[in-house]
Amino acid sequence: MCSATSRVLRVVASAVARISSTLAVVSTTATAVSSAPAVIWAAEAAI
């Protein structure tokens, strides 16, 4: 029983870590995409 519980907890912990890393990548990508137009606009304004 105890080993089964620890195995379940380990699976849950790895799944949470995987989800959180995926969310970090998604948020980073979303930030880059949302700031891209401002960078392009600034580059065009500089030219």
PDB file of N, CA and C in Angstrom:
ATOM      1  N   MET A   1       0.840  -1.200   0.000  1.00  0.00           N
ATOM      2  CA  MET A   1       0.000   0.000   0.000  1.00  0.00           C
ATOM      3  C   MET A   1       0.872   1.245   0.000  1.00  0.00           C
ATOM      4  N   CYS A   2       1.869   1.247   0.866  1.00  0.00           N
ATOM      5  CA  CYS A   2       2.718   2.427   0.975  1.00  0.00           C
ATOM      6  C   CYS A   2       3.522   2.634  -0.308  1.00  0.00           C
ATOM      7  N   SER A   3       4.031   1.540  -0.877  1.00  0.00           N
ATOM      8  CA  SER A   3       4.816   1.676  -2.101  1.00  0.00           C
ATOM      9  C   SER A   3       3.928   2.134  -3.257  1.00  0.00           C
ATOM     10  N   ALA A   4       2.680   1.667  -3.290  1.00  0.00           N
ATOM     11  CA  ALA A   4       1.758   2.095  -4.337  1.00  0.00           C
ATOM     12  C   ALA A   4       1.455   3.577  -4.200  1.00  0.00           C
ATOM     13  N   THR A   5       1.285   4.034  -2.975  1.00  0.00           N
ATOM     14  CA  THR A   5       1.012   5.454  -2.749  1.00  0.00           C
ATOM     15  C   THR A   5       2.188   6.313  -3.184  1.00  0.00           C
ATOM     16  N   SER A   6       3.394   5.879  -2.842  1.00  0.00           N
ATOM     17  CA  SER A   6       4.568   6.662  -3.227  1.00  0.00           C
ATOM     18  C   SER A   6       4.742   6.657  -4.748  1.00  0.00           C
ATOM     19  N   ARG A   7       4.383   5.542  -5.377  1.00  0.00           N
ATOM     20  CA  ARG A   7       4.488   5.480  -6.840  1.00  0.00           C
ATOM     21  C   ARG A   7       3.501   6.455  -7.478  1.00  0.00           C
ATOM     22  N   VAL A   8       2.281   6.493  -6.953  1.00  0.00           N
ATOM     23  CA  VAL A   8       1.267   7.419  -7.467  1.00  0.00           C
ATOM     24  C   VAL A   8       1.727   8.858  -7.268  1.00  0.00           C
ATOM     25  N   LEU A   9       2.265   9.153  -6.082  1.00  0.00           N
ATOM     26  CA  LEU A   9       2.735  10.507  -5.810  1.00  0.00           C
ATOM     27  C   LEU A   9       3.874  10.884  -6.756  1.00  0.00           C
ATOM     28  N   ARG A  10       4.742   9.940  -7.068  1.00  0.00           N
ATOM     29  CA  ARG A  10       5.857  10.218  -7.968  1.00  0.00           C
ATOM     30  C   ARG A  10       5.341  10.521  -9.373  1.00  0.00           C
ATOM     31  N   VAL A  11       4.340   9.754  -9.830  1.00  0.00           N
ATOM     32  CA  VAL A  11       3.752   9.984 -11.149  1.00  0.00           C
ATOM     33  C   VAL A  11       3.075  11.351 -11.196  1.00  0.00           C
ATOM     34  N   VAL A  12       2.344  11.670 -10.140  1.00  0.00           N
ATOM     35  CA  VAL A  12       1.661  12.964 -10.090  1.00  0.00           C
ATOM     36  C   VAL A  12       2.676  14.100 -10.086  1.00  0.00           C
ATOM     37  N   ALA A  13       3.758  13.935  -9.320  1.00  0.00           N
ATOM     38  CA  ALA A  13       4.769  14.991  -9.246  1.00  0.00           C
ATOM     39  C   ALA A  13       5.435  15.202 -10.601  1.00  0.00           C
ATOM     40  N   SER A  14       5.725  14.115 -11.315  1.00  0.00           N
ATOM     41  CA  SER A  14       6.359  14.262 -12.626  1.00  0.00           C
ATOM     42  C   SER A  14       5.394  14.904 -13.615  1.00  0.00           C
ATOM     43  N   ALA A  15       4.111  14.556 -13.521  1.00  0.00           N
ATOM     44  CA  ALA A  15       3.122  15.156 -14.410  1.00  0.00           C
ATOM     45  C   ALA A  15       2.988  16.649 -14.132  1.00  0.00           C
ATOM     46  N   VAL A  16       2.983  17.034 -12.860  1.00  0.00           N
ATOM     47  CA  VAL A  16       2.890  18.448 -12.502  1.00  0.00           C
ATOM     48  C   VAL A  16       4.117  19.207 -12.999  1.00  0.00           C
ATOM     49  N   ALA A  17       5.293  18.600 -12.860  1.00  0.00           N
ATOM     50  CA  ALA A  17       6.517  19.252 -13.331  1.00  0.00           C
ATOM     51  C   ALA A  17       6.475  19.431 -14.838  1.00  0.00           C
ATOM     52  N   ARG A  18       5.991  18.418 -15.548  1.00  0.00           N
ATOM     53  CA  ARG A  18       5.912  18.503 -17.003  1.00  0.00           C
ATOM     54  C   ARG A  18       4.926  19.588 -17.423  1.00  0.00           C
ATOM     55  N   ILE A  19       3.767  19.652 -16.740  1.00  0.00           N
ATOM     56  CA  ILE A  19       2.760  20.655 -17.072  1.00  0.00           C
ATOM     57  C   ILE A  19       3.294  22.063 -16.785  1.00  0.00           C
ATOM     58  N   SER A  20       3.973  22.229 -15.651  1.00  0.00           N
ATOM     59  CA  SER A  20       4.471  23.559 -15.301  1.00  0.00           C
ATOM     60  C   SER A  20       5.555  24.012 -16.272  1.00  0.00           C
ATOM     61  N   SER A  21       6.412  23.084 -16.723  1.00  0.00           N
ATOM     62  CA  SER A  21       7.437  23.474 -17.692  1.00  0.00           C
ATOM     63  C   SER A  21       6.793  23.834 -19.022  1.00  0.00           C
ATOM     64  N   THR A  22       5.734  23.099 -19.405  1.00  0.00           N
ATOM     65  CA  THR A  22       5.021  23.415 -20.642  1.00  0.00           C
ATOM     66  C   THR A  22       4.372  24.791 -20.539  1.00  0.00           C
ATOM     67  N   LEU A  23       3.781  25.086 -19.379  1.00  0.00           N
ATOM     68  CA  LEU A  23       3.160  26.399 -19.195  1.00  0.00           C
ATOM     69  C   LEU A  23       4.208  27.504 -19.238  1.00  0.00           C
ATOM     70  N   ALA A  24       5.392  27.243 -18.703  1.00  0.00           N
ATOM     71  CA  ALA A  24       6.455  28.244 -18.746  1.00  0.00           C
ATOM     72  C   ALA A  24       6.850  28.533 -20.183  1.00  0.00           C
ATOM     73  N   VAL A  25       6.968  27.479 -20.994  1.00  0.00           N
ATOM     74  CA  VAL A  25       7.306  27.675 -22.411  1.00  0.00           C
ATOM     75  C   VAL A  25       6.203  28.440 -23.120  1.00  0.00           C
ATOM     76  N   VAL A  26       4.958  28.088 -22.833  1.00  0.00           N
ATOM     77  CA  VAL A  26       3.827  28.760 -23.475  1.00  0.00           C
ATOM     78  C   VAL A  26       3.787  30.234 -23.096  1.00  0.00           C
ATOM     79  N   SER A  27       3.998  30.553 -21.825  1.00  0.00           N
ATOM     80  CA  SER A  27       3.947  31.949 -21.397  1.00  0.00           C
ATOM     81  C   SER A  27       5.111  32.742 -21.986  1.00  0.00           C
ATOM     82  N   THR A  28       6.279  32.108 -22.084  1.00  0.00           N
ATOM     83  CA  THR A  28       7.425  32.781 -22.689  1.00  0.00           C
ATOM     84  C   THR A  28       7.153  33.062 -24.162  1.00  0.00           C
ATOM     85  N   THR A  29       6.584  32.075 -24.854  1.00  0.00           N
ATOM     86  CA  THR A  29       6.257  32.253 -26.266  1.00  0.00           C
ATOM     87  C   THR A  29       5.199  33.335 -26.434  1.00  0.00           C
ATOM     88  N   ALA A  30       4.199  33.342 -25.575  1.00  0.00           N
ATOM     89  CA  ALA A  30       3.145  34.348 -25.658  1.00  0.00           C
ATOM     90  C   ALA A  30       3.715  35.742 -25.420  1.00  0.00           C
ATOM     91  N   THR A  31       4.641  35.865 -24.481  1.00  0.00           N
ATOM     92  CA  THR A  31       5.269  37.163 -24.222  1.00  0.00           C
ATOM     93  C   THR A  31       6.073  37.624 -25.429  1.00  0.00           C
ATOM     94  N   ALA A  32       6.815  36.692 -26.030  1.00  0.00           N
ATOM     95  CA  ALA A  32       7.616  37.041 -27.205  1.00  0.00           C
ATOM     96  C   ALA A  32       6.714  37.460 -28.357  1.00  0.00           C
ATOM     97  N   VAL A  33       5.620  36.732 -28.567  1.00  0.00           N
ATOM     98  CA  VAL A  33       4.705  37.048 -29.664  1.00  0.00           C
ATOM     99  C   VAL A  33       4.025  38.390 -29.425  1.00  0.00           C
ATOM    100  N   SER A  34       3.653  38.676 -28.186  1.00  0.00           N
ATOM    101  CA  SER A  34       2.960  39.928 -27.912  1.00  0.00           C
ATOM    102  C   SER A  34       3.911  41.123 -27.986  1.00  0.00           C
ATOM    103  N   SER A  35       5.209  40.904 -27.716  1.00  0.00           N
ATOM    104  CA  SER A  35       6.154  42.015 -27.781  1.00  0.00           C
ATOM    105  C   SER A  35       6.758  42.165 -29.176  1.00  0.00           C
ATOM    106  N   ALA A  36       6.585  41.168 -30.034  1.00  0.00           N
ATOM    107  CA  ALA A  36       7.155  41.225 -31.382  1.00  0.00           C
ATOM    108  C   ALA A  36       6.634  42.429 -32.187  1.00  0.00           C
ATOM    109  N   PRO A  37       5.332  42.707 -32.217  1.00  0.00           N
ATOM    110  CA  PRO A  37       4.852  43.872 -32.978  1.00  0.00           C
ATOM    111  C   PRO A  37       5.477  45.182 -32.493  1.00  0.00           C
ATOM    112  N   ALA A  38       5.669  45.334 -31.198  1.00  0.00           N
ATOM    113  CA  ALA A  38       6.282  46.556 -30.680  1.00  0.00           C
ATOM    114  C   ALA A  38       7.726  46.670 -31.155  1.00  0.00           C
ATOM    115  N   VAL A  39       8.437  45.540 -31.176  1.00  0.00           N
ATOM    116  CA  VAL A  39       9.823  45.552 -31.647  1.00  0.00           C
ATOM    117  C   VAL A  39       9.875  45.894 -33.133  1.00  0.00           C
ATOM    118  N   ILE A  40       8.972  45.284 -33.909  1.00  0.00           N
ATOM    119  CA  ILE A  40       8.932  45.564 -35.350  1.00  0.00           C
ATOM    120  C   ILE A  40       8.576  47.035 -35.585  1.00  0.00           C
ATOM    121  N   TRP A  41       7.611  47.554 -34.823  1.00  0.00           N
ATOM    122  CA  TRP A  41       7.210  48.942 -34.984  1.00  0.00           C
ATOM    123  C   TRP A  41       8.361  49.875 -34.627  1.00  0.00           C
ATOM    124  N   ALA A  42       9.091  49.553 -33.575  1.00  0.00           N
ATOM    125  CA  ALA A  42      10.231  50.379 -33.172  1.00  0.00           C
ATOM    126  C   ALA A  42      11.322  50.325 -34.239  1.00  0.00           C
ATOM    127  N   ALA A  43      11.532  49.141 -34.816  1.00  0.00           N
ATOM    128  CA  ALA A  43      12.554  49.023 -35.863  1.00  0.00           C
ATOM    129  C   ALA A  43      12.157  49.832 -37.097  1.00  0.00           C
ATOM    130  N   GLU A  44      10.888  49.799 -37.466  1.00  0.00           N
ATOM    131  CA  GLU A  44      10.427  50.573 -38.618  1.00  0.00           C
ATOM    132  C   GLU A  44      10.498  52.071 -38.329  1.00  0.00           C
ATOM    133  N   ALA A  45      10.210  52.435 -37.088  1.00  0.00           N
ATOM    134  CA  ALA A  45      10.282  53.849 -36.731  1.00  0.00           C
ATOM    135  C   ALA A  45      11.729  54.334 -36.755  1.00  0.00           C
ATOM    136  N   ALA A  46      12.660  53.444 -36.367  1.00  0.00           N
ATOM    137  CA  ALA A  46      14.072  53.815 -36.368  1.00  0.00           C
ATOM    138  C   ALA A  46      14.568  54.002 -37.802  1.00  0.00           C
ATOM    139  N   ILE A  47      14.024  53.215 -38.714  1.00  0.00           N
ATOM    140  CA  ILE A  47      14.423  53.352 -40.117  1.00  0.00           C
ATOM    141  C   ILE A  47      13.734  54.585 -40.690  1.00  0.00           C
TER     142      ILE A  47
END
